[in-house]
Amino acid sequence: MHARTMPDYKALSMNLMHHDLRITDSIYAPMLSNDVQKRIANLASQPVNQPDDDLRVMVSRLSNADLSKVMMIVAERLAA
């Protein structure tokens, strides 16, 4: 119930020493139909992360000096 992503779910499966994710799924994942409906409804209300959201957050946390260094690295890479 606490695994939020596939990597979380895979880590849980590995921690349980299951050879295959399907084993974990068949034992721990069965849900009642009303649970499925609630989860589907919640998915629609969650904001969708855009691919560059994490990058925007990371860049916004950089100091001006670090941002300048990053821009130089990117410029060098683009020039190559």
N, C-alpha and C. Protein backbone atom coordinates (compact mmCIF):
# COMPACT_ATOMS: atom_id res chain seq x y z
N MET A 1 0.82 -1.20 0.00
CA MET A 1 0.00 0.00 0.00
C MET A 1 0.87 1.26 0.00
N HIS A 2 2.12 1.17 0.45
CA HIS A 2 2.97 2.36 0.52
C HIS A 2 3.84 2.54 -0.71
N ALA A 3 3.97 1.52 -1.53
CA ALA A 3 4.75 1.65 -2.76
C ALA A 3 4.02 2.57 -3.71
N ARG A 4 4.69 3.64 -4.13
CA ARG A 4 4.05 4.65 -4.98
C ARG A 4 4.49 4.57 -6.43
N THR A 5 5.63 3.97 -6.68
CA THR A 5 6.15 3.88 -8.04
C THR A 5 6.57 2.45 -8.33
N MET A 6 6.81 2.16 -9.60
CA MET A 6 7.28 0.82 -9.95
C MET A 6 8.62 0.50 -9.31
N PRO A 7 9.56 1.46 -9.24
CA PRO A 7 10.80 1.14 -8.53
C PRO A 7 10.56 0.81 -7.05
N ASP A 8 9.60 1.48 -6.40
CA ASP A 8 9.24 1.14 -5.02
C ASP A 8 8.74 -0.29 -4.95
N TYR A 9 7.87 -0.62 -5.89
CA TYR A 9 7.26 -1.95 -5.92
C TYR A 9 8.31 -3.02 -6.20
N LYS A 10 9.24 -2.72 -7.10
CA LYS A 10 10.32 -3.67 -7.41
C LYS A 10 11.22 -3.86 -6.20
N ALA A 11 11.53 -2.76 -5.50
CA ALA A 11 12.36 -2.87 -4.29
C ALA A 11 11.67 -3.73 -3.24
N LEU A 12 10.38 -3.55 -3.09
CA LEU A 12 9.60 -4.36 -2.15
C LEU A 12 9.68 -5.83 -2.54
N SER A 13 9.50 -6.10 -3.81
CA SER A 13 9.56 -7.48 -4.30
C SER A 13 10.93 -8.10 -4.03
N MET A 14 11.98 -7.33 -4.30
CA MET A 14 13.33 -7.84 -4.07
C MET A 14 13.59 -8.06 -2.58
N ASN A 15 13.08 -7.16 -1.74
CA ASN A 15 13.24 -7.29 -0.30
C ASN A 15 12.56 -8.55 0.21
N LEU A 16 11.46 -8.91 -0.42
CA LEU A 16 10.74 -10.14 -0.04
C LEU A 16 11.38 -11.38 -0.65
N MET A 17 12.45 -11.16 -1.45
CA MET A 17 13.19 -12.22 -2.12
C MET A 17 12.34 -13.00 -3.11
N HIS A 18 11.41 -12.30 -3.74
CA HIS A 18 10.62 -12.93 -4.79
C HIS A 18 11.42 -12.92 -6.07
N HIS A 19 11.40 -14.05 -6.76
CA HIS A 19 12.15 -14.20 -8.00
C HIS A 19 11.54 -13.35 -9.12
N ASP A 20 10.26 -13.10 -9.03
CA ASP A 20 9.54 -12.41 -10.10
C ASP A 20 8.54 -11.44 -9.49
N LEU A 21 8.40 -10.29 -10.10
CA LEU A 21 7.47 -9.28 -9.61
C LEU A 21 6.02 -9.80 -9.60
N ARG A 22 5.74 -10.75 -10.48
CA ARG A 22 4.38 -11.30 -10.53
C ARG A 22 4.03 -12.04 -9.24
N ILE A 23 5.02 -12.60 -8.59
CA ILE A 23 4.77 -13.29 -7.31
C ILE A 23 4.30 -12.27 -6.28
N THR A 24 5.02 -11.16 -6.16
CA THR A 24 4.63 -10.10 -5.23
C THR A 24 3.25 -9.59 -5.59
N ASP A 25 3.04 -9.38 -6.86
CA ASP A 25 1.76 -8.84 -7.33
C ASP A 25 0.60 -9.78 -6.99
N SER A 26 0.80 -11.06 -7.19
CA SER A 26 -0.30 -12.00 -6.94
C SER A 26 -0.62 -12.15 -5.46
N ILE A 27 0.36 -11.94 -4.59
CA ILE A 27 0.14 -12.11 -3.16
C ILE A 27 -0.32 -10.83 -2.49
N TYR A 28 0.34 -9.71 -2.81
CA TYR A 28 0.12 -8.48 -2.06
C TYR A 28 -0.73 -7.44 -2.77
N ALA A 29 -0.94 -7.58 -4.06
CA ALA A 29 -1.61 -6.52 -4.80
C ALA A 29 -3.10 -6.71 -5.04
N PRO A 30 -3.70 -7.87 -4.78
CA PRO A 30 -5.14 -7.96 -5.05
C PRO A 30 -5.89 -6.87 -4.29
N MET A 31 -6.79 -6.20 -5.01
CA MET A 31 -7.54 -5.13 -4.40
C MET A 31 -9.03 -5.36 -4.62
N LEU A 32 -9.80 -4.85 -3.71
CA LEU A 32 -11.23 -4.89 -3.87
C LEU A 32 -11.62 -3.92 -4.98
N SER A 33 -12.74 -4.16 -5.64
CA SER A 33 -13.12 -3.32 -6.77
C SER A 33 -13.30 -1.85 -6.36
N ASN A 34 -13.79 -1.61 -5.14
CA ASN A 34 -13.95 -0.21 -4.72
C ASN A 34 -12.59 0.45 -4.49
N ASP A 35 -11.56 -0.32 -4.09
CA ASP A 35 -10.21 0.22 -3.97
C ASP A 35 -9.69 0.64 -5.34
N VAL A 36 -9.95 -0.19 -6.34
CA VAL A 36 -9.52 0.13 -7.70
C VAL A 36 -10.19 1.42 -8.17
N GLN A 37 -11.48 1.53 -7.95
CA GLN A 37 -12.21 2.74 -8.36
C GLN A 37 -11.65 3.98 -7.67
N LYS A 38 -11.37 3.89 -6.38
CA LYS A 38 -10.82 5.03 -5.64
C LYS A 38 -9.46 5.43 -6.19
N ARG A 39 -8.62 4.44 -6.45
CA ARG A 39 -7.28 4.74 -6.95
C ARG A 39 -7.33 5.37 -8.35
N ILE A 40 -8.20 4.87 -9.20
CA ILE A 40 -8.33 5.44 -10.54
C ILE A 40 -8.82 6.88 -10.44
N ALA A 41 -9.79 7.12 -9.58
CA ALA A 41 -10.31 8.48 -9.39
C ALA A 41 -9.21 9.40 -8.87
N ASN A 42 -8.37 8.92 -7.96
CA ASN A 42 -7.27 9.74 -7.42
C ASN A 42 -6.21 10.04 -8.47
N LEU A 43 -6.00 9.12 -9.40
CA LEU A 43 -5.01 9.36 -10.44
C LEU A 43 -5.39 10.57 -11.29
N ALA A 44 -6.68 10.71 -11.54
CA ALA A 44 -7.14 11.83 -12.37
C ALA A 44 -6.96 13.16 -11.66
N SER A 45 -6.96 13.17 -10.34
CA SER A 45 -6.86 14.42 -9.61
C SER A 45 -5.42 14.83 -9.29
N GLN A 46 -4.47 13.95 -9.55
CA GLN A 46 -3.06 14.25 -9.25
C GLN A 46 -2.45 15.02 -10.41
N PRO A 47 -1.61 16.01 -10.09
CA PRO A 47 -0.95 16.74 -11.18
C PRO A 47 0.02 15.84 -11.92
N VAL A 48 0.10 16.04 -13.20
CA VAL A 48 1.00 15.25 -14.03
C VAL A 48 2.35 15.96 -14.08
N ASN A 49 3.40 15.23 -13.71
CA ASN A 49 4.74 15.81 -13.79
C ASN A 49 5.17 15.86 -15.24
N GLN A 50 5.59 17.03 -15.65
CA GLN A 50 6.15 17.18 -16.98
C GLN A 50 7.59 16.70 -16.94
N PRO A 51 8.11 16.21 -18.05
CA PRO A 51 9.48 15.67 -18.04
C PRO A 51 10.54 16.63 -17.50
N ASP A 52 10.32 17.93 -17.68
CA ASP A 52 11.35 18.88 -17.25
C ASP A 52 11.10 19.45 -15.86
N ASP A 53 10.06 19.00 -15.15
CA ASP A 53 9.77 19.53 -13.81
C ASP A 53 10.94 19.35 -12.84
N ASP A 54 11.53 18.17 -12.82
CA ASP A 54 12.65 17.90 -11.91
C ASP A 54 13.84 18.78 -12.26
N LEU A 55 14.07 18.95 -13.54
CA LEU A 55 15.18 19.79 -13.98
C LEU A 55 14.94 21.24 -13.58
N ARG A 56 13.71 21.73 -13.74
CA ARG A 56 13.39 23.10 -13.35
C ARG A 56 13.64 23.32 -11.86
N VAL A 57 13.24 22.37 -11.05
CA VAL A 57 13.44 22.48 -9.60
C VAL A 57 14.93 22.51 -9.29
N MET A 58 15.68 21.61 -9.90
CA MET A 58 17.11 21.54 -9.64
C MET A 58 17.79 22.85 -10.05
N VAL A 59 17.45 23.36 -11.23
CA VAL A 59 18.07 24.60 -11.71
C VAL A 59 17.68 25.78 -10.82
N SER A 60 16.45 25.80 -10.35
CA SER A 60 16.01 26.93 -9.52
C SER A 60 16.75 26.98 -8.18
N ARG A 61 17.33 25.87 -7.77
CA ARG A 61 18.04 25.82 -6.50
C ARG A 61 19.52 26.19 -6.62
N LEU A 62 19.99 26.35 -7.85
CA LEU A 62 21.41 26.67 -8.05
C LEU A 62 21.68 28.13 -7.75
N SER A 63 22.85 28.38 -7.20
CA SER A 63 23.29 29.77 -7.02
C SER A 63 23.64 30.32 -8.40
N ASN A 64 23.78 31.64 -8.50
CA ASN A 64 24.14 32.25 -9.77
C ASN A 64 25.49 31.75 -10.26
N ALA A 65 26.43 31.54 -9.34
CA ALA A 65 27.75 31.05 -9.72
C ALA A 65 27.66 29.63 -10.28
N ASP A 66 26.90 28.77 -9.60
CA ASP A 66 26.75 27.40 -10.09
C ASP A 66 25.97 27.37 -11.40
N LEU A 67 24.98 28.23 -11.54
CA LEU A 67 24.21 28.30 -12.77
C LEU A 67 25.10 28.72 -13.94
N SER A 68 26.00 29.64 -13.68
CA SER A 68 26.95 30.07 -14.71
C SER A 68 27.84 28.90 -15.13
N LYS A 69 28.30 28.10 -14.17
CA LYS A 69 29.14 26.93 -14.48
C LYS A 69 28.37 25.93 -15.32
N VAL A 70 27.11 25.70 -14.95
CA VAL A 70 26.27 24.75 -15.69
C VAL A 70 26.08 25.23 -17.13
N MET A 71 25.85 26.52 -17.29
CA MET A 71 25.64 27.06 -18.63
C MET A 71 26.89 26.89 -19.49
N MET A 72 28.06 27.03 -18.89
CA MET A 72 29.31 26.83 -19.63
C MET A 72 29.45 25.37 -20.07
N ILE A 73 29.11 24.46 -19.17
CA ILE A 73 29.19 23.03 -19.50
C ILE A 73 28.22 22.70 -20.63
N VAL A 74 27.01 23.22 -20.55
CA VAL A 74 26.01 22.97 -21.60
C VAL A 74 26.47 23.57 -22.92
N ALA A 75 27.00 24.78 -22.89
CA ALA A 75 27.48 25.42 -24.12
C ALA A 75 28.60 24.60 -24.75
N GLU A 76 29.52 24.10 -23.95
CA GLU A 76 30.61 23.27 -24.46
C GLU A 76 30.07 22.00 -25.09
N ARG A 77 29.09 21.42 -24.45
CA ARG A 77 28.52 20.17 -24.97
C ARG A 77 27.77 20.41 -26.28
N LEU A 78 27.05 21.52 -26.35
CA LEU A 78 26.31 21.84 -27.57
C LEU A 78 27.25 22.15 -28.73
N ALA A 79 28.41 22.73 -28.41
CA ALA A 79 29.38 23.08 -29.44
C ALA A 79 30.10 21.85 -30.00
N ALA A 80 30.11 20.78 -29.23
CA ALA A 80 30.85 19.57 -29.65
C ALA A 80 30.13 18.81 -30.74
